[in-house]
Protein backbone atom coordinates (compact mmCIF):
# COMPACT_ATOMS: atom_id res chain seq x y z
CA MET A 1 12.70 -1.22 -22.35
CA THR A 2 11.38 -2.22 -25.74
CA ARG A 3 8.50 -0.27 -27.49
CA ALA A 4 6.12 -3.43 -26.23
CA MET A 5 6.90 -3.25 -22.61
CA GLY A 6 6.69 0.62 -22.96
CA ALA A 7 2.97 0.16 -24.29
CA ALA A 8 1.95 -2.20 -21.55
CA MET A 9 3.30 0.09 -18.84
CA ARG A 10 1.46 2.70 -20.08
CA ARG A 11 -1.94 0.74 -19.87
CA ILE A 12 -0.60 -0.58 -16.56
CA HIS A 13 -0.58 3.02 -15.47
CA VAL A 14 -3.53 3.88 -16.40
CA GLY A 15 -5.34 0.79 -14.70
CA ASN A 16 -3.50 2.14 -11.26
CA ALA A 17 -4.91 5.57 -12.01
CA LEU A 18 -9.03 4.04 -12.90
CA SER A 19 -8.75 1.41 -9.90
CA ALA A 20 -7.61 4.25 -7.27
CA PHE A 21 -10.17 6.40 -8.74
CA GLY A 22 -12.89 3.98 -8.07
CA LEU A 23 -11.63 3.43 -4.74
CA GLY A 24 -11.95 6.63 -3.72
CA PHE A 25 -15.51 7.05 -4.26
CA THR A 26 -16.38 4.74 -1.40
CA VAL A 27 -13.44 3.91 0.59
CA PRO A 28 -13.90 7.30 3.15
CA TYR A 29 -17.78 6.75 2.91
CA LEU A 30 -17.77 3.18 3.45
CA TYR A 31 -18.39 3.28 7.63
CA VAL A 32 -20.94 5.89 7.15
CA TYR A 33 -22.99 4.13 4.83
CA VAL A 34 -23.09 0.79 6.52
CA ALA A 35 -23.65 2.34 10.06
CA GLN A 36 -26.32 5.19 9.42
CA VAL A 37 -27.42 4.90 5.79
CA ARG A 38 -28.60 1.34 5.71
CA GLY A 39 -29.03 1.76 9.79
CA LEU A 40 -27.29 -1.47 10.28
CA GLY A 41 -24.92 -0.24 13.40
CA ALA A 42 -21.40 0.40 14.37
CA THR A 43 -20.61 -3.29 15.22
CA THR A 44 -21.87 -4.18 11.65
CA ALA A 45 -19.95 -1.13 9.94
CA GLY A 46 -16.85 -2.30 11.88
CA LEU A 47 -17.23 -6.05 11.01
CA VAL A 48 -17.27 -4.68 7.51
CA LEU A 49 -14.00 -3.02 8.27
CA ALA A 50 -12.70 -6.79 9.48
CA VAL A 51 -14.03 -8.77 6.25
CA PHE A 52 -11.91 -6.81 3.81
CA ALA A 53 -8.90 -7.73 5.99
CA VAL A 54 -9.88 -11.36 6.38
CA ALA A 55 -10.59 -11.85 3.24
CA ALA A 56 -7.29 -10.22 1.98
CA LEU A 57 -5.56 -12.44 4.34
CA ILE A 58 -7.28 -15.61 2.89
CA VAL A 59 -6.86 -15.22 -0.79
CA LEU A 60 -3.15 -13.43 -0.89
CA PRO A 61 -0.94 -16.96 -0.33
CA PHE A 62 -3.31 -18.69 -3.11
CA ALA A 63 -3.30 -15.32 -5.15
CA GLY A 64 0.84 -15.54 -5.16
CA ARG A 65 0.65 -19.28 -6.66
CA ALA A 66 -1.76 -18.32 -9.64
CA ILE A 67 0.55 -15.24 -10.42
CA VAL A 68 3.43 -17.78 -11.13
CA ARG A 69 1.63 -20.38 -12.82
CA ARG A 70 -0.63 -18.40 -14.76
CA GLY A 71 0.51 -14.83 -15.09
CA PRO A 72 -0.48 -11.60 -13.64
CA LEU A 73 -3.03 -10.37 -16.08
CA PRO A 74 -5.59 -13.55 -16.07
CA VAL A 75 -5.69 -13.16 -12.06
CA LEU A 76 -5.94 -9.53 -12.51
CA LEU A 77 -9.06 -9.77 -14.62
CA ALA A 78 -10.24 -12.13 -12.46
CA ALA A 79 -9.71 -9.92 -9.63
CA LEU A 80 -11.43 -7.12 -11.26
CA VAL A 81 -14.75 -8.72 -12.22
CA THR A 82 -14.60 -9.99 -8.54
CA ALA A 83 -14.56 -6.87 -7.17
CA ALA A 84 -17.05 -5.36 -9.79
CA LEU A 85 -19.46 -7.71 -8.44
CA GLY A 86 -18.75 -7.30 -4.61
CA ALA A 87 -18.90 -3.06 -5.05
CA LEU A 88 -22.34 -3.50 -7.29
CA SER A 89 -23.76 -5.96 -4.60
CA LEU A 90 -22.63 -3.65 -1.44
CA GLY A 91 -24.80 -0.76 -2.94
CA LEU A 92 -27.68 -2.35 -3.29
CA ALA A 93 -27.34 -4.55 -0.38
CA GLY A 94 -30.16 -3.95 2.53
CA ASP A 95 -29.34 -6.38 5.31
CA ALA A 96 -26.00 -7.61 7.45
CA THR A 97 -25.68 -10.69 5.62
CA ALA A 98 -25.69 -9.40 2.18
CA VAL A 99 -23.36 -6.52 3.41
CA LEU A 100 -20.91 -8.70 4.95
CA LEU A 101 -20.64 -10.95 1.78
CA SER A 102 -20.32 -8.26 -0.45
CA ALA A 103 -17.77 -6.62 1.36
CA ALA A 104 -15.87 -10.03 1.51
CA ALA A 105 -15.81 -10.62 -2.62
CA LEU A 106 -14.80 -6.52 -3.07
CA GLY A 107 -12.12 -6.92 -0.18
CA ALA A 108 -10.61 -10.20 -1.90
CA GLY A 109 -10.76 -8.47 -5.20
CA GLN A 110 -8.97 -5.12 -4.03
CA ALA A 111 -6.38 -7.63 -2.41
CA VAL A 112 -5.38 -9.51 -5.25
CA MET A 113 -5.16 -6.26 -7.84
CA GLN A 114 -2.05 -5.14 -5.98
CA PRO A 115 0.57 -8.04 -6.19
CA ALA A 116 -1.02 -8.77 -9.95
CA LEU A 117 -0.14 -5.06 -10.91
CA ALA A 118 3.00 -5.03 -8.78
CA THR A 119 4.31 -7.82 -10.91
CA MET A 120 2.80 -6.61 -14.05
CA ILE A 121 5.23 -3.71 -13.52
CA VAL A 122 8.05 -6.05 -12.81
CA ASP A 123 7.68 -7.74 -15.91
CA CYS A 124 7.32 -5.09 -18.08
CA SER A 125 10.17 -2.81 -16.55
CA THR A 126 13.90 -3.25 -16.17
CA ALA A 127 16.24 -2.39 -13.41
CA ASP A 128 16.81 1.28 -14.94
CA THR A 129 12.81 1.92 -14.87
CA ARG A 130 11.89 -0.18 -12.12
CA ALA A 131 12.06 2.61 -9.37
CA ARG A 132 10.84 5.00 -11.81
CA ALA A 133 7.76 2.82 -12.41
CA PHE A 134 6.71 2.27 -8.99
CA ALA A 135 6.76 5.78 -8.00
CA MET A 136 4.72 6.62 -10.94
CA GLN A 137 2.24 3.85 -9.73
CA PHE A 138 2.00 5.64 -5.99
CA PHE A 139 1.92 8.77 -7.97
CA LEU A 140 -1.14 7.56 -9.44
CA GLN A 141 -2.74 5.95 -6.99
CA ASN A 142 -2.98 8.57 -4.68
CA LEU A 143 -3.96 11.19 -7.08
CA GLY A 144 -6.81 8.89 -8.38
CA LEU A 145 -7.71 8.53 -4.81
CA GLY A 146 -7.77 12.16 -4.09
CA ILE A 147 -9.83 13.08 -6.93
CA GLY A 148 -12.31 9.87 -6.67
CA GLY A 149 -12.62 11.01 -3.04
CA LEU A 150 -13.31 14.69 -4.05
CA ILE A 151 -16.08 13.56 -6.59
CA GLY A 152 -17.75 11.26 -4.35
CA GLY A 153 -17.97 13.66 -1.62
CA HIS A 154 -19.96 16.20 -3.77
CA LEU A 155 -22.36 13.27 -4.85
CA VAL A 156 -23.17 11.66 -1.64
CA ASP A 157 -26.04 12.21 0.32
CA THR A 158 -26.47 10.67 3.77
CA THR A 159 -29.93 11.20 3.62
CA ARG A 160 -30.54 9.27 0.33
CA ALA A 161 -29.25 5.70 -0.14
CA SER A 162 -29.92 5.74 -3.69
CA SER A 163 -26.65 8.28 -3.54
CA PHE A 164 -24.27 5.61 -2.58
CA THR A 165 -25.44 2.81 -4.75
CA LEU A 166 -24.64 5.38 -7.20
CA LEU A 167 -21.14 5.52 -5.51
CA PHE A 168 -20.60 2.05 -5.25
CA ALA A 169 -22.23 1.95 -9.41
CA ILE A 170 -19.01 3.96 -10.27
CA GLU A 171 -16.89 2.18 -8.50
CA ALA A 172 -18.14 -1.39 -10.20
CA ALA A 173 -17.94 0.82 -13.44
CA MET A 174 -14.42 1.87 -13.08
CA PHE A 175 -12.94 -2.11 -12.37
CA LEU A 176 -15.05 -2.92 -15.56
CA LEU A 177 -13.61 -0.34 -17.51
CA LEU A 178 -10.46 -1.73 -16.34
CA VAL A 179 -11.32 -4.91 -17.12
CA VAL A 180 -11.10 -3.68 -21.13
CA VAL A 181 -8.21 -1.48 -20.63
CA MET A 182 -6.22 -4.70 -19.45
CA SER A 183 -7.35 -6.89 -21.78
CA THR A 184 -5.46 -5.00 -24.46
CA VAL A 185 -2.25 -5.63 -22.80
CA ARG A 186 -0.06 -7.41 -24.53
CA MET A 187 2.57 -8.94 -21.70
CA PRO A 188 6.28 -9.63 -22.29
CA HIS A 189 6.99 -13.23 -21.71
CA ALA A 190 7.82 -14.11 -18.23
CA PRO A 191 8.88 -17.41 -17.10
CA ARG A 192 6.25 -19.01 -14.81
CA MET A 193 6.18 -22.20 -12.43
CA GLU A 194 5.12 -25.00 -14.81
CA GLU A 195 8.24 -23.66 -17.02
CA ALA A 196 10.54 -24.06 -13.85
CA PRO A 197 12.59 -27.48 -13.05
CA THR A 198 10.32 -29.72 -10.88
CA GLY A 199 12.38 -29.42 -7.93
CA ALA A 200 11.82 -25.57 -7.90
CA VAL A 201 8.20 -25.75 -8.04
CA LYS A 202 8.04 -28.08 -4.86
CA GLY A 203 8.65 -26.15 -1.19
CA SER A 204 8.07 -22.55 -2.79
CA TRP A 205 6.96 -21.25 0.17
CA LYS A 206 9.63 -22.96 2.49
CA GLN A 207 12.37 -21.34 -0.16
CA LEU A 208 10.75 -17.86 0.13
CA LEU A 209 11.26 -18.19 4.27
CA GLY A 210 14.61 -19.68 3.29
CA ASN A 211 15.28 -16.23 1.78
CA ARG A 212 16.78 -14.51 4.63
CA ALA A 213 16.79 -11.04 3.04
CA MET A 214 13.33 -11.32 1.73
CA VAL A 215 12.19 -12.67 5.85
CA GLN A 216 14.17 -9.44 6.86
CA LEU A 217 12.23 -7.37 4.35
CA CYS A 218 8.75 -8.65 5.08
CA ALA A 219 9.64 -7.80 8.67
CA LEU A 220 10.39 -4.13 7.94
CA GLY A 221 7.67 -3.85 5.56
CA PHE A 222 5.59 -5.07 9.00
CA VAL A 223 7.05 -2.56 10.85
CA LEU A 224 6.42 0.44 8.25
CA PHE A 225 2.85 -0.26 7.66
CA PHE A 226 1.87 -0.85 11.36
CA ALA A 227 3.91 2.56 12.24
CA CYS A 228 2.28 4.57 9.59
CA TYR A 229 -1.02 3.41 7.61
CA GLY A 230 -2.11 1.37 10.45
CA GLN A 231 -2.31 4.45 12.30
CA PHE A 232 -4.00 7.31 9.65
CA GLU A 233 -7.38 6.58 10.48
CA SER A 234 -7.33 4.82 13.68
CA GLY A 235 -4.51 5.95 16.54
CA LEU A 236 -3.55 9.47 14.69
CA SER A 237 -6.85 10.21 14.19
CA ALA A 238 -8.05 9.44 17.54
CA TYR A 239 -5.04 11.18 19.17
CA GLY A 240 -6.01 14.16 17.22
CA VAL A 241 -9.45 14.53 18.48
CA GLU A 242 -8.54 13.29 22.08
CA ALA A 243 -5.42 14.76 22.81
CA ALA A 244 -4.80 17.41 20.59
CA GLY A 245 -8.36 18.78 20.40
CA MET A 246 -8.55 19.06 16.60
CA SER A 247 -11.87 18.97 14.39
CA THR A 248 -12.86 16.56 12.14
CA SER A 249 -11.87 19.27 9.34
CA VAL A 250 -8.53 19.45 10.45
CA LEU A 251 -8.35 15.90 10.33
CA GLY A 252 -9.61 16.17 7.04
CA THR A 253 -7.12 18.92 5.81
CA ALA A 254 -4.28 16.54 7.65
CA LEU A 255 -5.35 13.75 4.98
CA ALA A 256 -4.85 16.07 2.21
CA ALA A 257 -1.74 17.18 3.06
CA ASN A 258 -0.64 13.86 2.99
CA THR A 259 -1.78 13.00 -0.35
CA LEU A 260 -0.83 16.22 -1.56
CA MET A 261 2.77 15.98 -0.31
CA ILE A 262 2.93 12.91 -2.33
CA VAL A 263 1.45 14.25 -5.58
CA VAL A 264 3.85 17.00 -5.38
CA ALA A 265 7.21 15.53 -4.25
CA GLN A 266 7.08 12.16 -5.84
CA PHE A 267 9.23 12.66 -8.71
CA ALA A 268 11.70 15.63 -6.85
CA VAL A 269 12.00 12.58 -4.33
CA LEU A 270 12.53 10.00 -6.62
CA ARG A 271 15.80 11.79 -8.19
CA LEU A 272 17.15 12.55 -4.76
CA VAL A 273 16.93 8.73 -4.00
CA GLU A 274 16.95 6.61 -7.13
CA ARG A 275 20.79 6.59 -7.07
CA ARG A 276 21.14 6.54 -3.24
CA ARG A 277 21.16 3.20 -1.36
CA ARG A 278 18.17 1.46 -0.65
CA SER A 279 18.57 0.54 2.78
CA ARG A 280 19.61 3.81 3.92
CA VAL A 281 16.49 5.56 2.29
CA ILE A 282 14.58 3.26 4.69
CA ALA A 283 16.79 4.28 7.36
CA GLY A 284 16.04 7.86 6.22
CA VAL A 285 12.55 7.37 6.49
CA GLY A 286 12.21 5.96 10.49
CA LEU A 287 14.38 9.13 11.13
CA LEU A 288 12.42 11.34 9.22
CA TRP A 289 9.26 9.48 10.53
CA ALA A 290 10.31 10.09 14.21
CA VAL A 291 10.73 13.72 13.18
CA ALA A 292 6.66 13.76 12.50
CA TRP A 293 5.83 11.85 15.56
CA VAL A 294 7.59 14.44 17.53
CA ALA A 295 5.40 17.12 15.72
CA ALA A 296 2.46 15.34 16.44
CA GLY A 297 3.56 14.51 20.50
CA TYR A 298 3.60 18.90 20.45
CA ALA A 299 0.43 19.14 18.68
CA GLY A 300 -1.22 17.54 21.62
CA LEU A 301 1.52 17.44 24.77
CA GLY A 302 2.78 20.43 23.92
CA HIS A 303 1.48 24.16 25.52
CA GLY A 304 1.51 26.24 22.46
CA SER A 305 -1.46 28.13 20.86
CA GLN A 306 -4.57 25.76 19.14
CA GLU A 307 -2.70 27.78 15.99
CA MET A 308 0.47 26.18 16.22
CA ALA A 309 -0.83 23.03 17.23
CA THR A 310 -2.73 22.33 14.39
CA ALA A 311 0.11 23.51 12.16
CA ALA A 312 2.09 20.66 13.95
CA PHE A 313 -0.81 17.73 13.56
CA VAL A 314 -1.35 18.74 9.59
CA SER A 315 2.67 18.83 9.01
CA ALA A 316 3.04 15.39 10.73
CA TYR A 317 1.02 14.03 8.30
CA ALA A 318 2.64 15.61 5.34
CA LEU A 319 5.88 14.43 6.76
CA PHE A 320 4.67 11.04 6.60
CA GLY A 321 3.55 11.71 2.93
CA LEU A 322 7.08 12.51 2.19
CA GLY A 323 8.64 9.76 3.66
CA GLU A 324 6.09 7.33 1.82
CA ALA A 325 7.26 9.03 -1.47
CA MET A 326 10.60 7.81 -0.15
CA LEU A 327 9.52 4.27 -0.01
CA SER A 328 7.46 3.75 -3.28
CA PRO A 329 10.54 3.78 -5.32
CA THR A 330 12.21 1.65 -3.01
CA VAL A 331 10.34 -1.00 -1.35
CA ALA A 332 8.62 -2.36 -4.64
CA PRO A 333 11.57 -2.96 -6.75
CA LEU A 334 13.50 -4.44 -3.82
CA VAL A 335 10.86 -7.15 -3.23
CA ALA A 336 10.98 -7.92 -6.83
CA ASP A 337 15.12 -8.06 -6.83
CA LEU A 338 14.97 -10.40 -4.10
CA ALA A 339 12.55 -12.71 -6.28
CA PRO A 340 14.03 -15.47 -8.43
CA GLU A 341 13.32 -15.51 -12.16
CA GLY A 342 9.53 -16.45 -12.25
CA ARG A 343 8.72 -15.81 -8.58
CA ALA A 344 8.17 -12.10 -8.42
CA GLY A 345 3.98 -12.68 -8.51
CA GLN A 346 4.77 -15.10 -5.37
CA TYR A 347 7.29 -12.42 -3.46
CA ASN A 348 4.90 -9.41 -3.75
CA SER A 349 1.75 -11.40 -2.46
CA ALA A 350 3.77 -12.76 0.56
CA PHE A 351 4.77 -8.77 0.91
CA ALA A 352 1.22 -7.61 0.43
CA LEU A 353 -0.03 -10.17 2.78
CA VAL A 354 2.16 -8.82 5.24
CA LYS A 355 0.92 -5.08 4.88
CA GLN A 356 -2.47 -6.38 5.25
CA LEU A 357 -1.27 -8.19 8.48
CA ALA A 358 -0.01 -4.71 9.55
CA LEU A 359 -2.95 -2.59 8.61
CA ALA A 360 -5.14 -5.29 10.78
CA VAL A 361 -2.99 -5.05 14.11
CA GLY A 362 -2.02 -1.37 13.57
CA PRO A 363 -5.51 0.09 14.20
CA ALA A 364 -6.46 -2.51 16.67
CA VAL A 365 -3.57 -1.26 19.05
CA GLY A 366 -3.11 2.08 18.28
CA GLY A 367 -6.60 3.55 18.82
CA PRO A 368 -7.38 2.27 22.27
CA LEU A 369 -3.84 3.29 22.94
CA ALA A 370 -3.94 6.73 21.44
CA ALA A 371 -7.59 7.59 23.04
CA SER A 372 -6.70 6.32 26.75
CA LEU A 373 -2.61 6.70 26.69
CA PRO A 374 -1.93 9.61 24.02
CA ALA A 375 1.64 10.16 25.70
CA PRO A 376 2.81 6.67 25.75
CA TYR A 377 1.31 6.59 22.37
CA ILE A 378 3.13 8.88 20.96
CA VAL A 379 6.60 7.70 22.86
CA THR A 380 5.91 3.80 21.67
CA PHE A 381 5.23 5.10 17.98
CA LEU A 382 8.41 7.66 17.88
CA LEU A 383 10.40 4.40 19.20
CA VAL A 384 8.78 2.41 16.41
CA SER A 385 10.07 4.31 13.71
CA LEU A 386 13.68 4.58 15.25
CA GLY A 387 13.53 1.13 15.30
CA ILE A 388 12.48 1.28 11.17
CA THR A 389 16.00 2.66 11.02
CA GLY A 390 17.60 0.27 13.07
CA LEU A 391 16.07 -2.61 10.81
CA ALA A 392 16.80 -0.94 7.55
CA LEU A 393 20.42 -0.92 8.50
CA ARG A 394 20.54 -4.33 9.18
CA LEU A 395 18.80 -5.60 6.03
CA GLY A 396 21.12 -3.60 4.01
CA GLN A 397 23.85 -6.12 5.30
CA ARG A 398 22.06 -8.49 3.99
CA LEU A 399 21.66 -7.88 0.72
CA THR A 400 24.02 -8.20 -2.30
CA PRO A 401 25.51 -4.73 -3.63
CA LEU A 402 23.18 -5.01 -6.96
CA GLN A 403 20.11 -5.57 -4.70
CA ASP A 404 21.20 -2.15 -2.39
CA ARG A 405 22.46 -0.53 -5.04
CA PRO A 406 20.96 -1.67 -8.86
CA TRP A 407 22.80 1.14 -10.59
CA SER A 408 26.39 0.33 -9.60
CA ALA A 409 29.22 -2.15 -10.48
CA GLY A 410 28.64 -1.63 -14.31
CA SER A 411 26.07 -3.85 -14.99
CA ARG A 412 22.63 -3.43 -14.93
CA VAL A 413 21.01 -6.55 -14.47
CA VAL A 414 20.07 -6.82 -10.85
CA SER A 415 21.08 -10.12 -8.84
CA ARG A 416 17.73 -11.76 -8.07
CA GLY A 417 16.84 -14.03 -5.42
CA GLY A 418 20.08 -14.50 -3.62
CA ALA A 419 21.32 -13.16 -0.04
CA ALA A 420 24.89 -11.10 0.29
CA ALA A 421 27.65 -13.09 -0.51
CA GLU A 422 29.73 -11.11 1.02
CA PRO A 423 29.43 -7.81 3.09
CA VAL A 424 28.08 -4.54 1.44
CA SER A 425 30.96 -2.15 0.91
CA ALA A 426 30.30 1.29 3.59
CA GLU A 427 30.15 3.26 0.37
CA ALA A 428 27.19 5.34 -0.43
C-alpha cells in the first residue's frame, strides 16, 4: 500500500466512524419519535421504517452505475448531503407527509453511503490489506453506533420534541462534517466505466448476473442477513418477550452484548480467519449461528431458571456478534475480488441491494412467526443457519483458489471477476 493510499484509508475510516456515530443518535429512537413524540401513531412509524427500505431498493441500482462511471467519492458526497437534509428535515417535520419524505431522503442517502465507502476501501487497499481494512470498518461502525446510541439516550426526552430535533440536528452535522473530511481524500486512480471498451459497458448487469460465483454469493448474503440482522429487532426480540419472558432491559443488554463482542473480538478473530479459506469461514459462521439459535431456543423453550434463560438469550446475541466479526473481513473483500476491474462499485451496490431485501423480508417473516409459533420459529432459523453452511461450501467449489484463499499461490494479486476454471483443492 502506498503512502497516498494509506492517507486516504485513514480518512475513510474516520468517515465510517463519524457516519455510524451520527446514525447511533437516532436509529434506536426513530419509532418512538414518530409514533409518540410527534403523535403520528404506530402505522406511520411502521411506514417510516418501510420507506427506509423502499428508498434503498430504488436508489441502489442507480448508485452502482454512478459509482462505476463517476467514482465513489462524488457519489458519497452527494449521498451525505442528501442524508443530512433528510435528517434535519425529519427532526423538524410535524406531519406524516413531511416525515415520510424526510425518511425517504435519509434512507436513500444512508443506502448509497455503504457501497460508496466499500468501493473506496477497495480502491485504497491491496489483496494483503483488504480483509483488515474491512474488519476495521466494521469495528468502527459498531463502536460509533454504540457510542452514539449511548450519548443519544442521555440527551433524549420523550416529553420534549426539541430533544429529538437536537438528535437529528447532530446526525445532520455529522454527515456534513463527513463531507468536509471526505473532500480532502485523494483517491488513487481506478478504472471507470467510460474508460472501458464499449462492449464492456453494454449489459453490465447482465454480465453481473452471468457471474455464477457472484450470484451464489448474493444468494448466500441474502440468507445471512435474513437469518441474523433481519431478526435482531423483530423476530428474535418478539421471541424473547413472548416466549422467553425477557424484559426490555434484557433486550437492551443482549444488543449491548452483541456490539461488545464485535468490538472486543474483531481483531482477534481477524488473526484467526485471514489465512483460512473464505468459504469455510462463512460455513463456520452458519454452524456458530446454529448454536446461537439453540441457545435462544433453550431460553424460551427450556425448563431452567429465569437466570439461566436470560444468560442463554444474551449468549445467543453474543454468538451472533462473533459470527459477524468473522464475516466482516471475509464477505466484503470477496465481493470486491469477484468484480471485474473497475466494477467494484456496481458489485458492492448489488450486494447492498440484496442486504436491503433481506432486511425488509426478515422482520416481515420473523416477527409474526416468533410471536405466534415460537418453537417453529427457532427450528426454522436453526435450519436456515445450517443452510448457510451448505451454501458456503457450495460457493467454495465455484471460487478460484485465489478468490477463496487470497494469500496463496505465491502471487498476491487476487483474480478478479472469473469463476473457477478448475476445482478448488481440498487443502485448508
